[in-house]
C-alpha atoms as a PDB file:
ATOM      1  CA  MET A   1      -5.672 -11.780  11.371  1.00  0.00           C
ATOM      2  CA  ALA A   2      -4.319 -15.097  11.810  1.00  0.00           C
ATOM      3  CA  THR A   3      -3.814 -17.250   8.692  1.00  0.00           C
ATOM      4  CA  LYS A   4      -5.856 -20.500   9.073  1.00  0.00           C
ATOM      5  CA  MET A   5      -4.519 -24.061   8.693  1.00  0.00           C
ATOM      6  CA  THR A   6      -5.693 -27.497   9.534  1.00  0.00           C
ATOM      7  CA  ALA A   7      -3.897 -30.418  11.083  1.00  0.00           C
ATOM      8  CA  VAL A   8      -4.699 -33.828  12.704  1.00  0.00           C
ATOM      9  CA  LYS A   9      -3.115 -35.431  15.732  1.00  0.00           C
ATOM     10  CA  ARG A  10      -0.625 -38.145  14.717  1.00  0.00           C
ATOM     11  CA  GLU A  11       0.241 -41.351  16.613  1.00  0.00           C
ATOM     12  CA  THR A  12       3.937 -41.478  17.902  1.00  0.00           C
ATOM     13  CA  GLY A  13       5.978 -44.631  18.470  1.00  0.00           C
ATOM     14  CA  LYS A  14       5.658 -45.876  14.789  1.00  0.00           C
ATOM     15  CA  PRO A  15       8.428 -47.108  12.749  1.00  0.00           C
ATOM     16  CA  GLN A  16      10.501 -44.691  10.650  1.00  0.00           C
ATOM     17  CA  SER A  17       8.945 -46.081   7.667  1.00  0.00           C
ATOM     18  CA  ALA A  18       5.609 -44.674   8.667  1.00  0.00           C
ATOM     19  CA  LEU A  19       6.968 -41.109   8.525  1.00  0.00           C
ATOM     20  CA  THR A  20       8.394 -41.873   5.052  1.00  0.00           C
ATOM     21  CA  ASP A  21       4.849 -42.931   4.029  1.00  0.00           C
ATOM     22  CA  LEU A  22       3.315 -39.797   5.334  1.00  0.00           C
ATOM     23  CA  ARG A  23       5.851 -37.666   3.397  1.00  0.00           C
ATOM     24  CA  GLY A  24       5.245 -39.882   0.152  1.00  0.00           C
ATOM     25  CA  GLU A  25       1.544 -38.949   0.625  1.00  0.00           C
ATOM     26  CA  GLY A  26       2.395 -35.276   0.521  1.00  0.00           C
ATOM     27  CA  ASN A  27       2.042 -34.768   4.146  1.00  0.00           C
ATOM     28  CA  VAL A  28       4.454 -33.165   6.818  1.00  0.00           C
ATOM     29  CA  PRO A  29       4.948 -34.481  10.270  1.00  0.00           C
ATOM     30  CA  GLY A  30       5.323 -31.765  12.987  1.00  0.00           C
ATOM     31  CA  VAL A  31       4.792 -30.929  16.508  1.00  0.00           C
ATOM     32  CA  VAL A  32       3.073 -28.300  18.700  1.00  0.00           C
ATOM     33  CA  TYR A  33       4.162 -27.109  22.217  1.00  0.00           C
ATOM     34  CA  GLY A  34       3.985 -23.983  24.264  1.00  0.00           C
ATOM     35  CA  TYR A  35       1.218 -21.877  25.908  1.00  0.00           C
ATOM     36  CA  LYS A  36      -1.579 -24.049  27.688  1.00  0.00           C
ATOM     37  CA  MET A  37      -0.672 -26.831  25.111  1.00  0.00           C
ATOM     38  CA  GLU A  38       0.730 -30.283  25.892  1.00  0.00           C
ATOM     39  CA  THR A  39       3.342 -31.387  23.456  1.00  0.00           C
ATOM     40  CA  THR A  40       1.302 -32.893  20.441  1.00  0.00           C
ATOM     41  CA  SER A  41       2.419 -34.658  17.304  1.00  0.00           C
ATOM     42  CA  ILE A  42       0.722 -33.702  14.268  1.00  0.00           C
ATOM     43  CA  VAL A  43       0.534 -34.117  10.376  1.00  0.00           C
ATOM     44  CA  MET A  44      -0.680 -31.544   7.852  1.00  0.00           C
ATOM     45  CA  SER A  45      -0.632 -31.325   4.058  1.00  0.00           C
ATOM     46  CA  GLU A  46       2.605 -29.832   2.609  1.00  0.00           C
ATOM     47  CA  ILE A  47       0.572 -27.953   0.100  1.00  0.00           C
ATOM     48  CA  ASP A  48      -1.414 -26.292   2.756  1.00  0.00           C
ATOM     49  CA  LEU A  49       1.691 -25.607   4.855  1.00  0.00           C
ATOM     50  CA  ILE A  50       3.475 -23.956   1.896  1.00  0.00           C
ATOM     51  CA  LYS A  51       0.339 -21.964   0.967  1.00  0.00           C
ATOM     52  CA  THR A  52      -0.013 -20.800   4.658  1.00  0.00           C
ATOM     53  CA  LEU A  53       3.535 -19.728   5.140  1.00  0.00           C
ATOM     54  CA  ARG A  54       3.445 -17.631   1.899  1.00  0.00           C
ATOM     55  CA  GLU A  55       0.380 -16.015   3.160  1.00  0.00           C
ATOM     56  CA  SER A  56       1.552 -15.306   6.803  1.00  0.00           C
ATOM     57  CA  GLY A  57       5.176 -14.947   6.286  1.00  0.00           C
ATOM     58  CA  ARG A  58       8.030 -16.792   8.449  1.00  0.00           C
ATOM     59  CA  ASN A  59       7.032 -15.222  11.613  1.00  0.00           C
ATOM     60  CA  GLY A  60       3.113 -14.685  11.130  1.00  0.00           C
ATOM     61  CA  VAL A  61       0.464 -15.844  13.549  1.00  0.00           C
ATOM     62  CA  ILE A  62      -1.421 -19.211  12.318  1.00  0.00           C
ATOM     63  CA  SER A  63      -4.599 -20.153  13.666  1.00  0.00           C
ATOM     64  CA  LEU A  64      -4.012 -23.906  13.660  1.00  0.00           C
ATOM     65  CA  GLU A  65      -6.813 -26.134  13.890  1.00  0.00           C
ATOM     66  CA  ILE A  66      -6.062 -29.628  15.168  1.00  0.00           C
ATOM     67  CA  ASN A  67      -8.974 -31.965  15.400  1.00  0.00           C
ATOM     68  CA  GLY A  68     -11.413 -29.105  15.424  1.00  0.00           C
ATOM     69  CA  LYS A  69      -9.685 -27.142  18.140  1.00  0.00           C
ATOM     70  CA  SER A  70      -7.913 -23.853  17.097  1.00  0.00           C
ATOM     71  CA  THR A  71      -4.817 -22.722  18.448  1.00  0.00           C
ATOM     72  CA  ASN A  72      -2.758 -19.443  17.946  1.00  0.00           C
ATOM     73  CA  VAL A  73       0.794 -20.471  16.909  1.00  0.00           C
ATOM     74  CA  VAL A  74       3.943 -19.402  15.054  1.00  0.00           C
ATOM     75  CA  LEU A  75       6.512 -21.423  13.181  1.00  0.00           C
ATOM     76  CA  SER A  76       9.381 -22.419  15.564  1.00  0.00           C
ATOM     77  CA  ASP A  77      11.717 -24.518  13.683  1.00  0.00           C
ATOM     78  CA  TYR A  78      11.658 -26.531  10.595  1.00  0.00           C
ATOM     79  CA  GLN A  79      13.717 -29.383   8.703  1.00  0.00           C
ATOM     80  CA  MET A  80      14.095 -29.468   4.884  1.00  0.00           C
ATOM     81  CA  ASP A  81      14.928 -32.441   2.764  1.00  0.00           C
ATOM     82  CA  SER A  82      18.336 -30.966   1.003  1.00  0.00           C
ATOM     83  CA  LEU A  83      17.948 -33.363  -2.039  1.00  0.00           C
ATOM     84  CA  LYS A  84      13.990 -33.044  -2.660  1.00  0.00           C
ATOM     85  CA  GLY A  85      13.652 -29.518  -1.379  1.00  0.00           C
ATOM     86  CA  ASN A  86      10.509 -30.183   0.634  1.00  0.00           C
ATOM     87  CA  PHE A  87       9.662 -30.075   4.316  1.00  0.00           C
ATOM     88  CA  LYS A  88      10.677 -33.047   6.605  1.00  0.00           C
ATOM     89  CA  HIS A  89       9.409 -31.850   9.812  1.00  0.00           C
ATOM     90  CA  VAL A  90       7.973 -28.513  11.364  1.00  0.00           C
ATOM     91  CA  ASP A  91       7.695 -27.232  15.073  1.00  0.00           C
ATOM     92  CA  PHE A  92       4.975 -24.715  16.023  1.00  0.00           C
ATOM     93  CA  LEU A  93       4.871 -22.760  19.169  1.00  0.00           C
ATOM     94  CA  ALA A  94       1.584 -22.123  20.734  1.00  0.00           C
ATOM     95  CA  ILE A  95       1.466 -18.550  21.730  1.00  0.00           C
ATOM     96  CA  ASN A  96      -0.556 -16.105  24.023  1.00  0.00           C
ATOM     97  CA  MET A  97      -1.421 -13.126  21.910  1.00  0.00           C
ATOM     98  CA  SER A  98      -1.136 -10.765  24.682  1.00  0.00           C
ATOM     99  CA  GLU A  99       2.482 -11.778  25.741  1.00  0.00           C
ATOM    100  CA  GLU A 100       5.686 -10.956  24.032  1.00  0.00           C
ATOM    101  CA  ILE A 101       7.572 -13.755  22.196  1.00  0.00           C
ATOM    102  CA  ASP A 102      11.178 -13.808  20.859  1.00  0.00           C
ATOM    103  CA  VAL A 103      11.529 -14.362  17.100  1.00  0.00           C
ATOM    104  CA  ASP A 104      14.029 -13.696  14.283  1.00  0.00           C
ATOM    105  CA  ALA A 105      13.311 -10.903  11.943  1.00  0.00           C
ATOM    106  CA  THR A 106      14.940 -10.462   8.557  1.00  0.00           C
ATOM    107  CA  VAL A 107      16.949  -7.299   8.015  1.00  0.00           C
ATOM    108  CA  HIS A 108      15.815  -5.519   4.634  1.00  0.00           C
ATOM    109  CA  VAL A 109      18.330  -2.968   3.061  1.00  0.00           C
ATOM    110  CA  ILE A 110      16.370   0.102   1.813  1.00  0.00           C
ATOM    111  CA  GLY A 111      17.747   2.480  -0.850  1.00  0.00           C
ATOM    112  CA  GLU A 112      21.281   2.688  -2.445  1.00  0.00           C
ATOM    113  CA  SER A 113      24.057   3.986  -0.271  1.00  0.00           C
ATOM    114  CA  ALA A 114      26.063   6.899  -1.366  1.00  0.00           C
ATOM    115  CA  GLY A 115      29.274   4.632  -1.062  1.00  0.00           C
ATOM    116  CA  GLU A 116      27.691   2.193  -3.556  1.00  0.00           C
ATOM    117  CA  LYS A 117      27.205   5.076  -5.997  1.00  0.00           C
ATOM    118  CA  GLU A 118      31.062   5.592  -5.643  1.00  0.00           C
ATOM    119  CA  GLY A 119      31.837   1.870  -6.380  1.00  0.00           C
ATOM    120  CA  GLY A 120      31.510   0.597  -3.002  1.00  0.00           C
ATOM    121  CA  VAL A 121      30.055  -2.743  -2.018  1.00  0.00           C
ATOM    122  CA  VAL A 122      27.288  -3.133   0.459  1.00  0.00           C
ATOM    123  CA  THR A 123      27.291  -6.363   2.471  1.00  0.00           C
ATOM    124  CA  GLN A 124      25.134  -7.824   5.242  1.00  0.00           C
ATOM    125  CA  PRO A 125      27.216 -10.016   7.634  1.00  0.00           C
ATOM    126  CA  ASN A 126      24.223 -10.665   9.459  1.00  0.00           C
ATOM    127  CA  ARG A 127      20.724 -10.907   7.895  1.00  0.00           C
ATOM    128  CA  GLU A 128      18.595 -11.352  10.960  1.00  0.00           C
ATOM    129  CA  VAL A 129      18.165  -9.737  14.436  1.00  0.00           C
ATOM    130  CA  HIS A 130      16.601 -11.582  17.252  1.00  0.00           C
ATOM    131  CA  ILE A 131      13.645  -9.416  18.590  1.00  0.00           C
ATOM    132  CA  ARG A 132      11.012  -9.591  21.552  1.00  0.00           C
ATOM    133  CA  VAL A 133       7.606  -8.530  20.512  1.00  0.00           C
ATOM    134  CA  LYS A 134       3.836  -9.146  20.812  1.00  0.00           C
ATOM    135  CA  PRO A 135       2.602 -11.778  17.919  1.00  0.00           C
ATOM    136  CA  SER A 136       0.309  -9.158  16.478  1.00  0.00           C
ATOM    137  CA  ASP A 137       3.271  -6.672  16.152  1.00  0.00           C
ATOM    138  CA  ILE A 138       5.821  -8.976  14.461  1.00  0.00           C
ATOM    139  CA  PRO A 139       7.187  -7.104  11.690  1.00  0.00           C
ATOM    140  CA  ASP A 140       7.454  -8.617   8.007  1.00  0.00           C
ATOM    141  CA  SER A 141      11.013  -7.348   8.175  1.00  0.00           C
ATOM    142  CA  VAL A 142      13.400  -4.896   9.947  1.00  0.00           C
ATOM    143  CA  ASP A 143      13.884  -2.147   7.355  1.00  0.00           C
ATOM    144  CA  ILE A 144      17.157  -0.130   7.468  1.00  0.00           C
ATOM    145  CA  ASP A 145      17.724   2.993   5.052  1.00  0.00           C
ATOM    146  CA  VAL A 146      21.350   3.006   3.948  1.00  0.00           C
ATOM    147  CA  SER A 147      20.998   5.744   1.552  1.00  0.00           C
ATOM    148  CA  GLU A 148      23.437   8.119   3.623  1.00  0.00           C
ATOM    149  CA  LEU A 149      26.159   5.410   4.171  1.00  0.00           C
ATOM    150  CA  GLU A 150      29.702   6.375   2.706  1.00  0.00           C
ATOM    151  CA  ILE A 151      32.307   3.887   2.119  1.00  0.00           C
ATOM    152  CA  GLY A 152      33.721   2.715   5.260  1.00  0.00           C
ATOM    153  CA  ASP A 153      30.366   3.269   7.063  1.00  0.00           C
ATOM    154  CA  SER A 154      28.479   0.401   8.782  1.00  0.00           C
ATOM    155  CA  VAL A 155      25.276  -0.196  10.883  1.00  0.00           C
ATOM    156  CA  SER A 156      25.342  -2.231  13.987  1.00  0.00           C
ATOM    157  CA  VAL A 157      22.433  -3.020  16.522  1.00  0.00           C
ATOM    158  CA  SER A 158      23.445  -0.033  18.623  1.00  0.00           C
ATOM    159  CA  ASP A 159      22.595   2.240  15.529  1.00  0.00           C
ATOM    160  CA  ILE A 160      19.042   1.043  15.235  1.00  0.00           C
ATOM    161  CA  ARG A 161      18.024  -0.154  18.769  1.00  0.00           C
ATOM    162  CA  ASP A 162      15.956   3.173  19.421  1.00  0.00           C
ATOM    163  CA  LYS A 163      14.378   3.238  16.095  1.00  0.00           C
ATOM    164  CA  PHE A 164      11.894   0.521  16.519  1.00  0.00           C
ATOM    165  CA  SER A 165       8.837  -0.203  18.897  1.00  0.00           C
ATOM    166  CA  PHE A 166      10.178  -3.700  19.664  1.00  0.00           C
ATOM    167  CA  GLU A 167      13.195  -4.780  21.722  1.00  0.00           C
ATOM    168  CA  ILE A 168      16.118  -5.923  19.917  1.00  0.00           C
ATOM    169  CA  LEU A 169      18.025  -8.817  21.855  1.00  0.00           C
ATOM    170  CA  ASN A 170      21.352  -8.834  20.016  1.00  0.00           C
ATOM    171  CA  ASP A 171      24.318  -7.156  21.419  1.00  0.00           C
ATOM    172  CA  ASP A 172      25.152  -3.533  20.409  1.00  0.00           C
ATOM    173  CA  ASP A 173      28.119  -4.662  18.212  1.00  0.00           C
ATOM    174  CA  PHE A 174      26.245  -7.181  16.348  1.00  0.00           C
ATOM    175  CA  LEU A 175      27.152  -5.964  12.606  1.00  0.00           C
ATOM    176  CA  LEU A 176      24.248  -5.821  10.131  1.00  0.00           C
ATOM    177  CA  ILE A 177      25.392  -3.733   7.188  1.00  0.00           C
ATOM    178  CA  SER A 178      28.746  -2.513   5.900  1.00  0.00           C
ATOM    179  CA  VAL A 179      29.768  -0.461   2.929  1.00  0.00           C
ATOM    180  CA  THR A 180      33.331  -1.474   1.753  1.00  0.00           C
ATOM    181  CA  ALA A 181      35.615   0.037  -0.993  1.00  0.00           C
ATOM    182  CA  PRO A 182      35.855  -1.872  -4.054  1.00  0.00           C
ATOM    183  CA  ARG A 183      38.501  -4.491  -4.721  1.00  0.00           C
ATOM    184  CA  THR A 184      41.386  -3.324  -6.590  1.00  0.00           C
ATOM    185  CA  GLU A 185      42.575  -5.194  -9.627  1.00  0.00           C
ATOM    186  CA  GLU A 186      45.580  -6.688  -7.839  1.00  0.00           C
ATOM    187  CA  GLU A 187      43.246  -8.041  -5.101  1.00  0.00           C
ATOM    188  CA  LEU A 188      41.107  -9.612  -7.559  1.00  0.00           C
ATOM    189  CA  GLU A 189      44.022 -11.205  -9.450  1.00  0.00           C
ATOM    190  CA  GLU A 190      45.414 -12.299  -6.169  1.00  0.00           C
ATOM    191  CA  LEU A 191      42.043 -13.913  -5.271  1.00  0.00           C
ATOM    192  CA  GLU A 192      41.639 -15.622  -8.548  1.00  0.00           C
ATOM    193  CA  THR A 193      45.107 -17.092  -8.267  1.00  0.00           C
ATOM    194  CA  THR A 194      44.228 -18.431  -4.692  1.00  0.00           C
ATOM    195  CA  ASP A 195      41.024 -20.030  -5.930  1.00  0.00           C
ATOM    196  CA  GLU A 196      42.737 -21.812  -8.799  1.00  0.00           C
ATOM    197  CA  GLY A 197      45.414 -23.102  -6.545  1.00  0.00           C
ATOM    198  CA  GLU A 198      43.067 -24.579  -3.794  1.00  0.00           C
ATOM    199  CA  GLU A 199      41.421 -27.919  -4.245  1.00  0.00           C
ATOM    200  CA  GLU A 200      37.713 -28.310  -3.145  1.00  0.00           C
ATOM    201  CA  PRO A 201      37.893 -30.434   0.010  1.00  0.00           C
ATOM    202  CA  GLU A 202      36.275 -33.881  -0.011  1.00  0.00           C
ATOM    203  CA  VAL A 203      33.335 -34.443   2.093  1.00  0.00           C
ATOM    204  CA  VAL A 204      33.533 -37.509   3.836  1.00  0.00           C
ATOM    205  CA  GLY A 205      31.027 -39.381   6.096  1.00  0.00           C
ATOM    206  CA  ASP A 206      27.987 -37.132   5.057  1.00  0.00           C
ATOM    207  CA  ASN A 207      25.764 -40.045   4.104  1.00  0.00           C
ATOM    208  CA  GLU A 208      26.715 -42.231   7.121  1.00  0.00           C
ATOM    209  CA  GLU A 209      26.130 -39.453   9.512  1.00  0.00           C
ATOM    210  CA  GLU A 210      22.750 -38.663   7.900  1.00  0.00           C
ATOM    211  CA  ALA A 211      21.636 -42.069   8.176  1.00  0.00           C
ATOM    212  CA  ALA A 212      22.938 -42.383  11.729  1.00  0.00           C
ATOM    213  CA  GLY A 213      21.265 -39.127  12.746  1.00  0.00           C
ATOM    214  CA  GLU A 214      17.704 -39.659  14.638  1.00  0.00           C
ATOM    215  CA  GLU A 215      14.888 -37.748  13.287  1.00  0.00           C
ATOM    216  CA  LYS A 216      12.209 -36.043  15.281  1.00  0.00           C
ATOM    217  CA  GLU A 217       8.934 -37.661  15.703  1.00  0.00           C
END
């Protein structure tokens, strides 16, 4: 069952200060587009948005009520304020519940690998896979059991493609999990020496680029 959330239509073409005022009042501007839906600018309470996403999950279906009319949507994209940690803008995709959509699903490691018990290290080069699935069947995560993996073993998309009912869109060689040998003392010492000898690069122009960047309305 879709999680419910309420939003209202938002007027566009206003100065940037209007968006700042909205956020200062605890709201988040956004947009809805997609199935049988004209692109519509909206605004919603940030508290309601956070509560809804916690309940539905990143890919959960949301019944979004806009000025009294409900539409099934999923979160398509979002922007966060890197300093304040709050939402700056959200995009919702209106969907047809009977048609498949493309979403990113989190890869979740299950169990402790045999290699890890021998001192190996489990790494995840890629923590998400791109899948095609009906909205009602979107998984909370793509769970992969690593208990039988030895040091030197790995899991790519080709290894799990036939284990799930949904279609995985990534290439077969898209690496998800690997079990590597533990670092030797010599390697760790060399790494520490390298880190001590390197200076952290200075970031130049971030503020100017951020100020110049255009923000979604």
